[in-house]
Structure formats: C-alpha cells, structure tokens
PDB file of all heavy atoms in Angstrom:
ATOM      1  N   LYS A   1     102.414  64.172  -6.538  1.00  0.00           N
ATOM      2  CA  LYS A   1     102.532  62.908  -5.819  1.00  0.00           C
ATOM      3  C   LYS A   1     103.998  62.565  -5.689  1.00  0.00           C
ATOM      4  O   LYS A   1     104.736  62.634  -6.673  1.00  0.00           O
ATOM      5  CB  LYS A   1     101.792  61.795  -6.546  1.00  0.00           C
ATOM      6  CG  LYS A   1     100.279  61.961  -6.550  1.00  0.00           C
ATOM      7  CD  LYS A   1      99.598  60.786  -7.246  1.00  0.00           C
ATOM      8  CE  LYS A   1      98.075  60.943  -7.218  1.00  0.00           C
ATOM      9  NZ  LYS A   1      97.392  59.792  -7.891  1.00  0.00           N
ATOM     10  N   VAL A   2     104.411  62.202  -4.483  1.00  0.00           N
ATOM     11  CA  VAL A   2     105.799  61.834  -4.220  1.00  0.00           C
ATOM     12  C   VAL A   2     105.827  60.610  -3.335  1.00  0.00           C
ATOM     13  O   VAL A   2     104.867  60.340  -2.584  1.00  0.00           O
ATOM     14  CB  VAL A   2     106.571  62.989  -3.556  1.00  0.00           C
ATOM     15  CG1 VAL A   2     106.707  64.180  -4.490  1.00  0.00           C
ATOM     16  CG2 VAL A   2     105.902  63.407  -2.243  1.00  0.00           C
ATOM     17  N   LYS A   3     106.867  59.814  -3.398  1.00  0.00           N
ATOM     18  CA  LYS A   3     107.005  58.611  -2.568  1.00  0.00           C
ATOM     19  C   LYS A   3     107.635  58.939  -1.223  1.00  0.00           C
ATOM     20  O   LYS A   3     107.336  58.277  -0.217  1.00  0.00           O
ATOM     21  CB  LYS A   3     107.843  57.572  -3.286  1.00  0.00           C
ATOM     22  CG  LYS A   3     107.164  56.972  -4.510  1.00  0.00           C
ATOM     23  CD  LYS A   3     108.034  55.904  -5.134  1.00  0.00           C
ATOM     24  CE  LYS A   3     107.327  55.250  -6.333  1.00  0.00           C
ATOM     25  NZ  LYS A   3     108.165  54.175  -6.943  1.00  0.00           N
ATOM     26  N   ASP A   4     108.564  59.910  -1.224  1.00  0.00           N
ATOM     27  CA  ASP A   4     109.263  60.234   0.020  1.00  0.00           C
ATOM     28  C   ASP A   4     108.635  61.448   0.685  1.00  0.00           C
ATOM     29  O   ASP A   4     107.864  62.199   0.077  1.00  0.00           O
ATOM     30  CB  ASP A   4     110.736  60.508  -0.270  1.00  0.00           C
ATOM     31  CG  ASP A   4     111.428  59.289  -0.865  1.00  0.00           C
ATOM     32  OD1 ASP A   4     111.124  58.174  -0.401  1.00  0.00           O
ATOM     33  OD2 ASP A   4     112.263  59.484  -1.776  1.00  0.00           O
ATOM     34  N   ALA A   5     109.027  61.660   1.946  1.00  0.00           N
ATOM     35  CA  ALA A   5     108.474  62.794   2.705  1.00  0.00           C
ATOM     36  C   ALA A   5     109.237  64.069   2.354  1.00  0.00           C
ATOM     37  O   ALA A   5     109.762  64.783   3.217  1.00  0.00           O
ATOM     38  CB  ALA A   5     108.554  62.513   4.197  1.00  0.00           C
ATOM     39  N   ALA A   6     109.321  64.361   1.071  1.00  0.00           N
ATOM     40  CA  ALA A   6     110.013  65.559   0.605  1.00  0.00           C
ATOM     41  C   ALA A   6     109.540  65.866  -0.800  1.00  0.00           C
ATOM     42  O   ALA A   6     109.142  64.964  -1.559  1.00  0.00           O
ATOM     43  CB  ALA A   6     111.521  65.360   0.629  1.00  0.00           C
ATOM     44  N   TRP A   7     109.574  67.163  -1.098  1.00  0.00           N
ATOM     45  CA  TRP A   7     109.211  67.608  -2.456  1.00  0.00           C
ATOM     46  C   TRP A   7     110.042  68.829  -2.797  1.00  0.00           C
ATOM     47  O   TRP A   7     110.328  69.686  -1.943  1.00  0.00           O
ATOM     48  CB  TRP A   7     107.722  67.955  -2.522  1.00  0.00           C
ATOM     49  CG  TRP A   7     107.314  68.532  -3.865  1.00  0.00           C
ATOM     50  CD1 TRP A   7     106.943  67.838  -4.957  1.00  0.00           C
ATOM     51  CD2 TRP A   7     107.250  69.913  -4.217  1.00  0.00           C
ATOM     52  NE1 TRP A   7     106.648  68.677  -6.010  1.00  0.00           N
ATOM     53  CE2 TRP A   7     106.835  69.979  -5.563  1.00  0.00           C
ATOM     54  CE3 TRP A   7     107.523  71.103  -3.531  1.00  0.00           C
ATOM     55  CZ2 TRP A   7     106.676  71.194  -6.249  1.00  0.00           C
ATOM     56  CZ3 TRP A   7     107.352  72.301  -4.218  1.00  0.00           C
ATOM     57  CH2 TRP A   7     106.937  72.342  -5.554  1.00  0.00           C
ATOM     58  N   ASN A   8     110.451  68.934  -4.047  1.00  0.00           N
ATOM     59  CA  ASN A   8     111.084  70.174  -4.487  1.00  0.00           C
ATOM     60  C   ASN A   8     110.598  70.491  -5.882  1.00  0.00           C
ATOM     61  O   ASN A   8     110.309  69.606  -6.687  1.00  0.00           O
ATOM     62  CB  ASN A   8     112.614  70.077  -4.442  1.00  0.00           C
ATOM     63  CG  ASN A   8     113.147  68.999  -5.342  1.00  0.00           C
ATOM     64  OD1 ASN A   8     113.160  69.146  -6.555  1.00  0.00           O
ATOM     65  ND2 ASN A   8     113.590  67.876  -4.744  1.00  0.00           N
ATOM     66  N   GLY A   9     110.497  71.787  -6.140  1.00  0.00           N
ATOM     67  CA  GLY A   9     110.037  72.284  -7.423  1.00  0.00           C
ATOM     68  C   GLY A   9     110.208  73.798  -7.482  1.00  0.00           C
ATOM     69  O   GLY A   9     110.650  74.434  -6.519  1.00  0.00           O
ATOM     70  N   ARG A  10     109.794  74.331  -8.581  1.00  0.00           N
ATOM     71  CA  ARG A  10     109.964  75.777  -8.775  1.00  0.00           C
ATOM     72  C   ARG A  10     108.609  76.455  -8.654  1.00  0.00           C
ATOM     73  O   ARG A  10     107.634  76.047  -9.310  1.00  0.00           O
ATOM     74  CB  ARG A  10     110.590  76.072 -10.125  1.00  0.00           C
ATOM     75  CG  ARG A  10     112.002  75.515 -10.239  1.00  0.00           C
ATOM     76  CD  ARG A  10     112.687  75.986 -11.510  1.00  0.00           C
ATOM     77  NE  ARG A  10     114.023  75.432 -11.604  1.00  0.00           N
ATOM     78  CZ  ARG A  10     115.097  75.934 -11.014  1.00  0.00           C
ATOM     79  NH1 ARG A  10     114.981  77.015 -10.280  1.00  0.00           N
ATOM     80  NH2 ARG A  10     116.271  75.360 -11.157  1.00  0.00           N
ATOM     81  N   LEU A  11     108.599  77.523  -7.824  1.00  0.00           N
ATOM     82  CA  LEU A  11     107.371  78.287  -7.610  1.00  0.00           C
ATOM     83  C   LEU A  11     107.678  79.774  -7.819  1.00  0.00           C
ATOM     84  O   LEU A  11     108.747  80.272  -7.450  1.00  0.00           O
ATOM     85  CB  LEU A  11     106.841  78.080  -6.193  1.00  0.00           C
ATOM     86  CG  LEU A  11     106.408  76.659  -5.813  1.00  0.00           C
ATOM     87  CD1 LEU A  11     105.987  76.625  -4.346  1.00  0.00           C
ATOM     88  CD2 LEU A  11     105.256  76.181  -6.703  1.00  0.00           C
ATOM     89  N   ALA A  12     106.706  80.441  -8.391  1.00  0.00           N
ATOM     90  CA  ALA A  12     106.834  81.896  -8.514  1.00  0.00           C
ATOM     91  C   ALA A  12     106.676  82.527  -7.145  1.00  0.00           C
ATOM     92  O   ALA A  12     105.921  82.030  -6.298  1.00  0.00           O
ATOM     93  CB  ALA A  12     105.770  82.425  -9.471  1.00  0.00           C
ATOM     94  N   PRO A  13     107.374  83.593  -6.855  1.00  0.00           N
ATOM     95  CA  PRO A  13     107.212  84.266  -5.568  1.00  0.00           C
ATOM     96  C   PRO A  13     105.752  84.646  -5.333  1.00  0.00           C
ATOM     97  O   PRO A  13     105.052  85.088  -6.246  1.00  0.00           O
ATOM     98  CB  PRO A  13     108.103  85.497  -5.682  1.00  0.00           C
ATOM     99  CG  PRO A  13     109.137  85.110  -6.687  1.00  0.00           C
ATOM    100  CD  PRO A  13     108.423  84.248  -7.677  1.00  0.00           C
ATOM    101  N   GLY A  14     105.265  84.423  -4.145  1.00  0.00           N
ATOM    102  CA  GLY A  14     103.891  84.757  -3.820  1.00  0.00           C
ATOM    103  C   GLY A  14     103.430  84.051  -2.567  1.00  0.00           C
ATOM    104  O   GLY A  14     104.211  83.389  -1.860  1.00  0.00           O
ATOM    105  N   LYS A  15     102.124  84.149  -2.266  1.00  0.00           N
ATOM    106  CA  LYS A  15     101.515  83.514  -1.098  1.00  0.00           C
ATOM    107  C   LYS A  15     100.850  82.206  -1.533  1.00  0.00           C
ATOM    108  O   LYS A  15     100.159  82.167  -2.555  1.00  0.00           O
ATOM    109  CB  LYS A  15     100.484  84.426  -0.474  1.00  0.00           C
ATOM    110  CG  LYS A  15     101.072  85.711   0.105  1.00  0.00           C
ATOM    111  CD  LYS A  15      99.989  86.566   0.734  1.00  0.00           C
ATOM    112  CE  LYS A  15     100.584  87.848   1.324  1.00  0.00           C
ATOM    113  NZ  LYS A  15      99.538  88.694   1.948  1.00  0.00           N
ATOM    114  N   TYR A  16     101.040  81.161  -0.748  1.00  0.00           N
ATOM    115  CA  TYR A  16     100.518  79.837  -1.103  1.00  0.00           C
ATOM    116  C   TYR A  16      99.821  79.204   0.101  1.00  0.00           C
ATOM    117  O   TYR A  16     100.161  79.495   1.266  1.00  0.00           O
ATOM    118  CB  TYR A  16     101.653  78.913  -1.563  1.00  0.00           C
ATOM    119  CG  TYR A  16     102.257  79.302  -2.898  1.00  0.00           C
ATOM    120  CD1 TYR A  16     103.269  80.249  -2.965  1.00  0.00           C
ATOM    121  CD2 TYR A  16     101.804  78.716  -4.068  1.00  0.00           C
ATOM    122  CE1 TYR A  16     103.819  80.609  -4.176  1.00  0.00           C
ATOM    123  CE2 TYR A  16     102.357  79.071  -5.300  1.00  0.00           C
ATOM    124  CZ  TYR A  16     103.368  80.015  -5.349  1.00  0.00           C
ATOM    125  OH  TYR A  16     103.914  80.356  -6.557  1.00  0.00           O
ATOM    126  N   MET A  17      98.826  78.299  -0.249  1.00  0.00           N
ATOM    127  CA  MET A  17      98.205  77.415   0.734  1.00  0.00           C
ATOM    128  C   MET A  17      98.585  75.979   0.365  1.00  0.00           C
ATOM    129  O   MET A  17      98.586  75.609  -0.820  1.00  0.00           O
ATOM    130  CB  MET A  17      96.682  77.559   0.724  1.00  0.00           C
ATOM    131  CG  MET A  17      96.187  78.961   1.054  1.00  0.00           C
ATOM    132  SD  MET A  17      96.566  79.450   2.745  1.00  0.00           S
ATOM    133  CE  MET A  17      95.481  78.330   3.634  1.00  0.00           C
ATOM    134  N   MET A  18      98.908  75.184   1.360  1.00  0.00           N
ATOM    135  CA  MET A  18      99.353  73.827   1.092  1.00  0.00           C
ATOM    136  C   MET A  18      98.588  72.833   1.983  1.00  0.00           C
ATOM    137  O   MET A  18      98.379  73.085   3.172  1.00  0.00           O
ATOM    138  CB  MET A  18     100.849  73.696   1.361  1.00  0.00           C
ATOM    139  CG  MET A  18     101.399  72.318   0.994  1.00  0.00           C
ATOM    140  SD  MET A  18     103.067  72.084   1.614  1.00  0.00           S
ATOM    141  CE  MET A  18     102.745  71.953   3.359  1.00  0.00           C
ATOM    142  N   LYS A  19      98.159  71.696   1.338  1.00  0.00           N
ATOM    143  CA  LYS A  19      97.561  70.576   2.081  1.00  0.00           C
ATOM    144  C   LYS A  19      98.328  69.310   1.725  1.00  0.00           C
ATOM    145  O   LYS A  19      98.864  69.204   0.620  1.00  0.00           O
ATOM    146  CB  LYS A  19      96.078  70.408   1.729  1.00  0.00           C
ATOM    147  CG  LYS A  19      95.217  71.571   2.194  1.00  0.00           C
ATOM    148  CD  LYS A  19      93.731  71.257   2.050  1.00  0.00           C
ATOM    149  CE  LYS A  19      93.353  71.060   0.598  1.00  0.00           C
ATOM    150  NZ  LYS A  19      91.889  70.811   0.464  1.00  0.00           N
ATOM    151  N   LEU A  20      98.323  68.370   2.645  1.00  0.00           N
ATOM    152  CA  LEU A  20      99.101  67.146   2.471  1.00  0.00           C
ATOM    153  C   LEU A  20      98.280  65.951   2.982  1.00  0.00           C
ATOM    154  O   LEU A  20      97.627  66.052   4.017  1.00  0.00           O
ATOM    155  CB  LEU A  20     100.413  67.276   3.265  1.00  0.00           C
ATOM    156  CG  LEU A  20     101.317  66.048   3.313  1.00  0.00           C
ATOM    157  CD1 LEU A  20     101.923  65.781   1.931  1.00  0.00           C
ATOM    158  CD2 LEU A  20     102.421  66.278   4.342  1.00  0.00           C
ATOM    159  N   ARG A  21      98.333  64.835   2.224  1.00  0.00           N
ATOM    160  CA  ARG A  21      97.759  63.573   2.733  1.00  0.00           C
ATOM    161  C   ARG A  21      98.598  62.407   2.259  1.00  0.00           C
ATOM    162  O   ARG A  21      99.305  62.525   1.252  1.00  0.00           O
ATOM    163  CB  ARG A  21      96.317  63.401   2.302  1.00  0.00           C
ATOM    164  CG  ARG A  21      96.100  63.179   0.839  1.00  0.00           C
ATOM    165  CD  ARG A  21      94.617  63.021   0.543  1.00  0.00           C
ATOM    166  NE  ARG A  21      94.380  62.816  -0.869  1.00  0.00           N
ATOM    167  CZ  ARG A  21      93.155  62.663  -1.391  1.00  0.00           C
ATOM    168  NH1 ARG A  21      92.094  62.679  -0.577  1.00  0.00           N
ATOM    169  NH2 ARG A  21      93.000  62.482  -2.685  1.00  0.00           N
ATOM    170  N   SER A  22      98.494  61.319   2.964  1.00  0.00           N
ATOM    171  CA  SER A  22      99.298  60.134   2.630  1.00  0.00           C
ATOM    172  C   SER A  22      98.406  59.042   2.023  1.00  0.00           C
ATOM    173  O   SER A  22      97.169  59.053   2.187  1.00  0.00           O
ATOM    174  CB  SER A  22      99.976  59.583   3.887  1.00  0.00           C
ATOM    175  OG  SER A  22      98.998  59.163   4.836  1.00  0.00           O
ATOM    176  N   ARG A  23      99.018  58.059   1.355  1.00  0.00           N
ATOM    177  CA  ARG A  23      98.325  56.870   0.823  1.00  0.00           C
ATOM    178  C   ARG A  23      99.088  55.642   1.320  1.00  0.00           C
ATOM    179  O   ARG A  23     100.315  55.642   1.343  1.00  0.00           O
ATOM    180  CB  ARG A  23      98.302  56.900  -0.700  1.00  0.00           C
ATOM    181  CG  ARG A  23      97.357  57.956  -1.276  1.00  0.00           C
ATOM    182  CD  ARG A  23      97.375  57.918  -2.796  1.00  0.00           C
ATOM    183  NE  ARG A  23      96.481  58.900  -3.354  1.00  0.00           N
ATOM    184  CZ  ARG A  23      95.192  58.684  -3.642  1.00  0.00           C
ATOM    185  NH1 ARG A  23      94.670  57.457  -3.424  1.00  0.00           N
ATOM    186  NH2 ARG A  23      94.434  59.632  -4.177  1.00  0.00           N
ATOM    187  N   ASP A  24      98.271  54.594   1.675  1.00  0.00           N
ATOM    188  CA  ASP A  24      98.916  53.371   2.148  1.00  0.00           C
ATOM    189  C   ASP A  24      99.263  52.473   0.971  1.00  0.00           C
ATOM    190  O   ASP A  24      99.142  52.869  -0.185  1.00  0.00           O
ATOM    191  CB  ASP A  24      98.021  52.666   3.174  1.00  0.00           C
ATOM    192  CG  ASP A  24      96.668  52.268   2.583  1.00  0.00           C
ATOM    193  OD1 ASP A  24      96.551  52.274   1.330  1.00  0.00           O
ATOM    194  OD2 ASP A  24      95.759  51.956   3.352  1.00  0.00           O
ATOM    195  N   TYR A  25      99.627  51.228   1.298  1.00  0.00           N
ATOM    196  CA  TYR A  25     100.094  50.323   0.245  1.00  0.00           C
ATOM    197  C   TYR A  25      98.996  49.964  -0.726  1.00  0.00           C
ATOM    198  O   TYR A  25      99.242  49.512  -1.835  1.00  0.00           O
ATOM    199  CB  TYR A  25     100.688  49.046   0.876  1.00  0.00           C
ATOM    200  CG  TYR A  25      99.669  48.168   1.534  1.00  0.00           C
ATOM    201  CD1 TYR A  25      99.101  47.081   0.863  1.00  0.00           C
ATOM    202  CD2 TYR A  25      99.255  48.428   2.848  1.00  0.00           C
ATOM    203  CE1 TYR A  25      98.158  46.280   1.487  1.00  0.00           C
ATOM    204  CE2 TYR A  25      98.337  47.638   3.465  1.00  0.00           C
ATOM    205  CZ  TYR A  25      97.783  46.553   2.786  1.00  0.00           C
ATOM    206  OH  TYR A  25      96.852  45.768   3.407  1.00  0.00           O
ATOM    207  N   ARG A  26      97.752  50.203  -0.300  1.00  0.00           N
ATOM    208  CA  ARG A  26      96.630  49.904  -1.192  1.00  0.00           C
ATOM    209  C   ARG A  26      96.277  51.092  -2.081  1.00  0.00           C
ATOM    210  O   ARG A  26      95.416  50.997  -2.936  1.00  0.00           O
ATOM    211  CB  ARG A  26      95.404  49.537  -0.352  1.00  0.00           C
ATOM    212  CG  ARG A  26      95.574  48.293   0.499  1.00  0.00           C
ATOM    213  CD  ARG A  26      94.433  48.139   1.444  1.00  0.00           C
ATOM    214  NE  ARG A  26      94.401  49.254   2.382  1.00  0.00           N
ATOM    215  CZ  ARG A  26      93.400  49.479   3.235  1.00  0.00           C
ATOM    216  NH1 ARG A  26      92.343  48.685   3.247  1.00  0.00           N
ATOM    217  NH2 ARG A  26      93.462  50.498   4.055  1.00  0.00           N
ATOM    218  N   GLY A  27      96.905  52.211  -1.782  1.00  0.00           N
ATOM    219  CA  GLY A  27      96.573  53.416  -2.524  1.00  0.00           C
ATOM    220  C   GLY A  27      95.431  54.174  -1.938  1.00  0.00           C
ATOM    221  O   GLY A  27      94.926  55.123  -2.549  1.00  0.00           O
ATOM    222  N   VAL A  28      94.992  53.743  -0.754  1.00  0.00           N
ATOM    223  CA  VAL A  28      93.867  54.424  -0.098  1.00  0.00           C
ATOM    224  C   VAL A  28      94.414  55.709   0.552  1.00  0.00           C
ATOM    225  O   VAL A  28      95.366  55.662   1.339  1.00  0.00           O
ATOM    226  CB  VAL A  28      93.223  53.512   0.953  1.00  0.00           C
ATOM    227  CG1 VAL A  28      92.114  54.256   1.692  1.00  0.00           C
ATOM    228  CG2 VAL A  28      92.693  52.250   0.298  1.00  0.00           C
TER     229      VAL A  28
END
C-alpha cells in the first residue's frame, strides 16, 4: 500500500504479474 502513484522495492530477477487499484478518502 502506498499513498503516492509510485512504488520502489527490491525484487529478485524473474517474471512477475502486477495488479493495481486505488482507494478513495473513505478507504473504499
């Protein structure tokens, strides 16, 4: 979970699948 439209972290080399969704001020 991140507040800004960016993320960084460390990943092992390989193939990945990624999904993304947002939450509003209510947390929905």
